[in-house]
Amino acid sequence: MDNDIYGHVNNVVYYSYFDTAVNGHLLDAGVLDIHAGEVIGLVIETACNYFAPLAFPQTVEAGLRVAHIGASSVRYEVGLFAEGEPLSAAAGHFVHVYVDRATRRPVPLPEPLRQVLLALKVPA
């Protein structure tokens, strides 16, 4: 996932960064078990706007917030920054629907997850 032929990180990699930012935060908060959790988040929508290139081995920082919390879904918004830069190189969103791992049917957000999400919620 290094630089592409144009000398910068390819646009599809930014979505991987979004995934890492969201899931890393949930793992660190102890509300996501990627191997055995009964509830998992599936991506149903994602988008990205690009403002400046990023290039390996540049360090990328991510800012994460929650824009909307539904009964079983969450809209995360992510800004990607070159290390120490005040303006984002890219900004996008990521919508997860939380489902039962076995049935893949939507389930209400578990309360511990909801509490972690509320801490990142943007005021309306």
C-alpha atoms as a PDB file:
ATOM      1  CA  MET A   1       0.000   0.000   0.000  1.00  0.00           C
ATOM      2  CA  ASP A   2       2.893   2.293  -0.749  1.00  0.00           C
ATOM      3  CA  ASN A   3       2.840   5.043  -3.341  1.00  0.00           C
ATOM      4  CA  ASP A   4       1.233   4.482  -6.718  1.00  0.00           C
ATOM      5  CA  ILE A   5       2.738   5.269 -10.104  1.00  0.00           C
ATOM      6  CA  TYR A   6       2.035   8.985  -9.546  1.00  0.00           C
ATOM      7  CA  GLY A   7       4.144   9.129  -6.393  1.00  0.00           C
ATOM      8  CA  HIS A   8       1.379   9.402  -3.815  1.00  0.00           C
ATOM      9  CA  VAL A   9      -0.922   7.130  -1.862  1.00  0.00           C
ATOM     10  CA  ASN A  10      -3.654   5.871  -4.196  1.00  0.00           C
ATOM     11  CA  ASN A  11      -7.196   7.102  -3.532  1.00  0.00           C
ATOM     12  CA  VAL A  12      -8.511   3.656  -2.569  1.00  0.00           C
ATOM     13  CA  VAL A  13      -6.040   3.492   0.325  1.00  0.00           C
ATOM     14  CA  TYR A  14      -7.762   6.450   1.983  1.00  0.00           C
ATOM     15  CA  TYR A  15     -10.767   4.194   2.612  1.00  0.00           C
ATOM     16  CA  SER A  16      -8.461   1.773   4.390  1.00  0.00           C
ATOM     17  CA  TYR A  17      -7.275   4.667   6.549  1.00  0.00           C
ATOM     18  CA  PHE A  18     -10.908   5.453   7.417  1.00  0.00           C
ATOM     19  CA  ASP A  19     -11.475   1.831   8.398  1.00  0.00           C
ATOM     20  CA  THR A  20      -8.341   1.809  10.543  1.00  0.00           C
ATOM     21  CA  ALA A  21      -9.312   5.063  12.297  1.00  0.00           C
ATOM     22  CA  VAL A  22     -12.832   3.872  13.122  1.00  0.00           C
ATOM     23  CA  ASN A  23     -12.025   0.293  14.095  1.00  0.00           C
ATOM     24  CA  GLY A  24      -8.839   1.281  15.916  1.00  0.00           C
ATOM     25  CA  HIS A  25     -10.813   3.678  18.105  1.00  0.00           C
ATOM     26  CA  LEU A  26     -13.479   1.056  18.837  1.00  0.00           C
ATOM     27  CA  LEU A  27     -10.839  -1.572  19.643  1.00  0.00           C
ATOM     28  CA  ASP A  28      -8.975   0.839  21.934  1.00  0.00           C
ATOM     29  CA  ALA A  29     -12.271   1.649  23.702  1.00  0.00           C
ATOM     30  CA  GLY A  30     -12.966  -2.061  24.229  1.00  0.00           C
ATOM     31  CA  VAL A  31     -16.287  -2.099  22.357  1.00  0.00           C
ATOM     32  CA  LEU A  32     -15.257  -4.093  19.294  1.00  0.00           C
ATOM     33  CA  ASP A  33     -14.153  -7.716  19.200  1.00  0.00           C
ATOM     34  CA  ILE A  34     -13.233  -8.404  15.572  1.00  0.00           C
ATOM     35  CA  HIS A  35     -12.731 -12.129  16.153  1.00  0.00           C
ATOM     36  CA  ALA A  36     -15.552 -13.242  18.433  1.00  0.00           C
ATOM     37  CA  GLY A  37     -17.960 -10.342  18.966  1.00  0.00           C
ATOM     38  CA  GLU A  38     -21.628 -11.129  18.407  1.00  0.00           C
ATOM     39  CA  VAL A  39     -22.225  -7.696  16.849  1.00  0.00           C
ATOM     40  CA  ILE A  40     -20.160  -6.384  13.933  1.00  0.00           C
ATOM     41  CA  GLY A  41     -20.310  -3.239  11.815  1.00  0.00           C
ATOM     42  CA  LEU A  42     -20.733  -3.561   8.061  1.00  0.00           C
ATOM     43  CA  VAL A  43     -19.933  -0.639   5.778  1.00  0.00           C
ATOM     44  CA  ILE A  44     -22.962   0.403   3.735  1.00  0.00           C
ATOM     45  CA  GLU A  45     -21.732   3.784   2.511  1.00  0.00           C
ATOM     46  CA  THR A  46     -18.479   5.657   2.208  1.00  0.00           C
ATOM     47  CA  ALA A  47     -17.217   8.762   0.433  1.00  0.00           C
ATOM     48  CA  CYS A  48     -14.061  10.840   0.316  1.00  0.00           C
ATOM     49  CA  ASN A  49     -13.032  14.305  -0.854  1.00  0.00           C
ATOM     50  CA  TYR A  50      -9.353  14.837  -1.613  1.00  0.00           C
ATOM     51  CA  PHE A  51      -7.579  18.144  -1.023  1.00  0.00           C
ATOM     52  CA  ALA A  52      -3.844  17.368  -0.992  1.00  0.00           C
ATOM     53  CA  PRO A  53      -1.737  14.286  -1.715  1.00  0.00           C
ATOM     54  CA  LEU A  54      -0.271  12.045   0.954  1.00  0.00           C
ATOM     55  CA  ALA A  55       2.829   9.958   0.233  1.00  0.00           C
ATOM     56  CA  PHE A  56       4.558   7.061   1.941  1.00  0.00           C
ATOM     57  CA  PRO A  57       6.512   7.217   4.284  1.00  0.00           C
ATOM     58  CA  GLN A  58       4.657  10.314   5.479  1.00  0.00           C
ATOM     59  CA  THR A  59       2.875   9.888   8.820  1.00  0.00           C
ATOM     60  CA  VAL A  60      -0.889  10.274   8.497  1.00  0.00           C
ATOM     61  CA  GLU A  61      -3.024  11.483  11.401  1.00  0.00           C
ATOM     62  CA  ALA A  62      -6.778  10.984  11.547  1.00  0.00           C
ATOM     63  CA  GLY A  63      -9.475  13.008  13.233  1.00  0.00           C
ATOM     64  CA  LEU A  64     -12.677  11.112  13.990  1.00  0.00           C
ATOM     65  CA  ARG A  65     -16.151  12.236  14.946  1.00  0.00           C
ATOM     66  CA  VAL A  66     -19.663  10.798  14.900  1.00  0.00           C
ATOM     67  CA  ALA A  67     -22.225  12.772  12.899  1.00  0.00           C
ATOM     68  CA  HIS A  68     -25.275  10.544  13.426  1.00  0.00           C
ATOM     69  CA  ILE A  69     -26.282   7.661  15.681  1.00  0.00           C
ATOM     70  CA  GLY A  70     -29.299   5.626  14.650  1.00  0.00           C
ATOM     71  CA  ALA A  71     -30.894   2.545  16.174  1.00  0.00           C
ATOM     72  CA  SER A  72     -28.427   0.215  14.436  1.00  0.00           C
ATOM     73  CA  SER A  73     -26.273   2.552  12.355  1.00  0.00           C
ATOM     74  CA  VAL A  74     -23.565   5.171  12.790  1.00  0.00           C
ATOM     75  CA  ARG A  75     -22.154   7.800  10.461  1.00  0.00           C
ATOM     76  CA  TYR A  76     -18.488   8.422  11.188  1.00  0.00           C
ATOM     77  CA  GLU A  77     -16.676  11.409   9.691  1.00  0.00           C
ATOM     78  CA  VAL A  78     -12.922  11.247   9.255  1.00  0.00           C
ATOM     79  CA  GLY A  79     -10.319  13.849   8.402  1.00  0.00           C
ATOM     80  CA  LEU A  80      -6.878  12.704   7.258  1.00  0.00           C
ATOM     81  CA  PHE A  81      -3.918  14.991   7.851  1.00  0.00           C
ATOM     82  CA  ALA A  82      -0.236  14.915   7.015  1.00  0.00           C
ATOM     83  CA  GLU A  83       1.527  14.856  10.380  1.00  0.00           C
ATOM     84  CA  GLY A  84       1.381  18.281  12.009  1.00  0.00           C
ATOM     85  CA  GLU A  85      -0.591  19.925   9.206  1.00  0.00           C
ATOM     86  CA  PRO A  86      -3.585  22.066  10.230  1.00  0.00           C
ATOM     87  CA  LEU A  87      -5.598  21.420   7.044  1.00  0.00           C
ATOM     88  CA  SER A  88      -6.892  18.008   6.017  1.00  0.00           C
ATOM     89  CA  ALA A  89      -5.500  16.213   3.003  1.00  0.00           C
ATOM     90  CA  ALA A  90      -8.815  14.355   2.723  1.00  0.00           C
ATOM     91  CA  ALA A  91     -12.173  14.211   4.461  1.00  0.00           C
ATOM     92  CA  GLY A  92     -14.869  11.629   4.206  1.00  0.00           C
ATOM     93  CA  HIS A  93     -17.477   9.553   5.901  1.00  0.00           C
ATOM     94  CA  PHE A  94     -18.119   5.943   6.687  1.00  0.00           C
ATOM     95  CA  VAL A  95     -21.537   4.487   7.617  1.00  0.00           C
ATOM     96  CA  HIS A  96     -21.692   1.234   9.555  1.00  0.00           C
ATOM     97  CA  VAL A  97     -24.817  -0.798  10.159  1.00  0.00           C
ATOM     98  CA  TYR A  98     -24.351  -3.038  13.156  1.00  0.00           C
ATOM     99  CA  VAL A  99     -25.547  -6.578  12.624  1.00  0.00           C
ATOM    100  CA  ASP A 100     -25.609  -9.951  14.319  1.00  0.00           C
ATOM    101  CA  ARG A 101     -22.443 -11.765  13.216  1.00  0.00           C
ATOM    102  CA  ALA A 102     -24.296 -15.011  12.452  1.00  0.00           C
ATOM    103  CA  THR A 103     -27.506 -13.762  10.805  1.00  0.00           C
ATOM    104  CA  ARG A 104     -26.178 -10.498   9.320  1.00  0.00           C
ATOM    105  CA  ARG A 105     -29.454  -8.859  10.378  1.00  0.00           C
ATOM    106  CA  PRO A 106     -29.391  -5.361  11.935  1.00  0.00           C
ATOM    107  CA  VAL A 107     -29.395  -5.195  15.719  1.00  0.00           C
ATOM    108  CA  PRO A 108     -29.687  -2.283  18.152  1.00  0.00           C
ATOM    109  CA  LEU A 109     -26.351  -0.733  19.056  1.00  0.00           C
ATOM    110  CA  PRO A 110     -25.013  -2.337  22.238  1.00  0.00           C
ATOM    111  CA  GLU A 111     -25.083   0.177  25.100  1.00  0.00           C
ATOM    112  CA  PRO A 112     -21.289   0.190  25.691  1.00  0.00           C
ATOM    113  CA  LEU A 113     -20.778   0.986  21.988  1.00  0.00           C
ATOM    114  CA  ARG A 114     -23.458   3.697  22.088  1.00  0.00           C
ATOM    115  CA  GLN A 115     -21.677   5.363  25.021  1.00  0.00           C
ATOM    116  CA  VAL A 116     -18.346   5.421  23.168  1.00  0.00           C
ATOM    117  CA  LEU A 117     -20.084   6.867  20.107  1.00  0.00           C
ATOM    118  CA  LEU A 118     -21.809   9.573  22.125  1.00  0.00           C
ATOM    119  CA  ALA A 119     -18.406  10.800  23.303  1.00  0.00           C
ATOM    120  CA  LEU A 120     -17.523  11.482  19.637  1.00  0.00           C
ATOM    121  CA  LYS A 121     -20.928  12.892  18.650  1.00  0.00           C
ATOM    122  CA  VAL A 122     -21.003  16.294  16.986  1.00  0.00           C
ATOM    123  CA  PRO A 123     -23.631  18.594  18.537  1.00  0.00           C
ATOM    124  CA  ALA A 124     -26.661  19.048  16.290  1.00  0.00           C
END
